[in-house]
């Protein structure tokens, strides 16, 4: 793996979870 990809993993270890969480928050607010 390249350094850039490793840095991305460190910055966003779970990109999919980050994308899903806002949707869940929006649904729970209503």
N, C-alpha and C. Protein backbone atom coordinates (compact mmCIF):
# COMPACT_ATOMS: atom_id res chain seq x y z
N UNK A 1 0.84 -1.22 0.00
CA UNK A 1 0.00 0.00 0.00
C UNK A 1 0.87 1.25 0.00
N UNK A 2 0.43 2.28 -0.67
CA UNK A 2 1.19 3.52 -0.73
C UNK A 2 0.95 4.34 0.54
N UNK A 3 1.81 5.30 0.78
CA UNK A 3 1.66 6.13 1.98
C UNK A 3 0.35 6.91 1.95
N UNK A 4 -0.02 7.38 0.78
CA UNK A 4 -1.26 8.17 0.66
C UNK A 4 -2.47 7.34 1.08
N UNK A 5 -2.50 6.08 0.65
CA UNK A 5 -3.63 5.21 0.99
C UNK A 5 -3.64 4.93 2.49
N UNK A 6 -2.45 4.75 3.08
CA UNK A 6 -2.37 4.51 4.52
C UNK A 6 -2.85 5.73 5.29
N UNK A 7 -2.46 6.91 4.82
CA UNK A 7 -2.90 8.15 5.48
C UNK A 7 -4.41 8.28 5.39
N UNK A 8 -4.97 7.91 4.27
CA UNK A 8 -6.43 7.98 4.09
C UNK A 8 -7.12 7.04 5.07
N UNK A 9 -6.55 5.85 5.26
CA UNK A 9 -7.14 4.89 6.20
C UNK A 9 -7.07 5.44 7.62
N UNK A 10 -5.96 6.09 7.95
CA UNK A 10 -5.81 6.67 9.29
C UNK A 10 -6.79 7.82 9.48
N UNK A 11 -6.97 8.61 8.43
CA UNK A 11 -7.88 9.75 8.51
C UNK A 11 -9.33 9.26 8.52
N UNK A 12 -9.66 8.31 7.63
CA UNK A 12 -11.03 7.78 7.54
C UNK A 12 -10.99 6.26 7.57
N UNK A 13 -10.87 5.67 8.77
CA UNK A 13 -10.80 4.22 8.88
C UNK A 13 -12.09 3.54 8.43
N UNK A 14 -13.22 4.26 8.60
CA UNK A 14 -14.51 3.69 8.21
C UNK A 14 -15.29 4.70 7.39
N UNK A 15 -14.90 4.94 6.13
CA UNK A 15 -15.60 5.92 5.29
C UNK A 15 -17.06 5.55 5.10
N UNK A 16 -17.35 4.25 4.98
CA UNK A 16 -18.74 3.83 4.77
C UNK A 16 -19.59 4.19 5.99
N UNK A 17 -19.05 3.98 7.18
CA UNK A 17 -19.81 4.30 8.40
C UNK A 17 -20.08 5.80 8.47
N UNK A 18 -19.09 6.60 8.10
CA UNK A 18 -19.27 8.06 8.14
C UNK A 18 -20.38 8.48 7.20
N UNK A 19 -20.47 7.82 6.05
CA UNK A 19 -21.51 8.17 5.08
C UNK A 19 -22.89 7.74 5.58
N UNK A 20 -22.94 6.62 6.33
CA UNK A 20 -24.22 6.10 6.81
C UNK A 20 -24.71 6.87 8.04
N UNK A 21 -23.80 7.28 8.90
CA UNK A 21 -24.20 7.92 10.16
C UNK A 21 -25.06 9.17 9.97
N UNK A 22 -24.72 10.08 9.03
CA UNK A 22 -25.55 11.27 8.85
C UNK A 22 -26.98 10.91 8.47
N UNK A 23 -27.13 9.89 7.62
CA UNK A 23 -28.47 9.46 7.21
C UNK A 23 -29.26 8.96 8.42
N UNK A 24 -28.59 8.20 9.29
CA UNK A 24 -29.26 7.67 10.49
C UNK A 24 -29.66 8.83 11.40
N UNK A 25 -28.77 9.80 11.55
CA UNK A 25 -29.06 10.97 12.40
C UNK A 25 -30.28 11.72 11.87
N UNK A 26 -30.36 11.88 10.56
CA UNK A 26 -31.48 12.60 9.95
C UNK A 26 -32.79 11.84 10.22
N UNK A 27 -32.74 10.53 10.10
CA UNK A 27 -33.96 9.74 10.30
C UNK A 27 -34.38 9.77 11.77
N UNK A 28 -33.41 9.73 12.68
CA UNK A 28 -33.74 9.71 14.11
C UNK A 28 -34.30 11.06 14.55
N UNK A 29 -33.86 12.15 13.92
CA UNK A 29 -34.35 13.48 14.29
C UNK A 29 -35.84 13.62 14.00
N UNK A 30 -36.31 13.03 12.91
CA UNK A 30 -37.72 13.19 12.53
C UNK A 30 -38.62 12.35 13.41
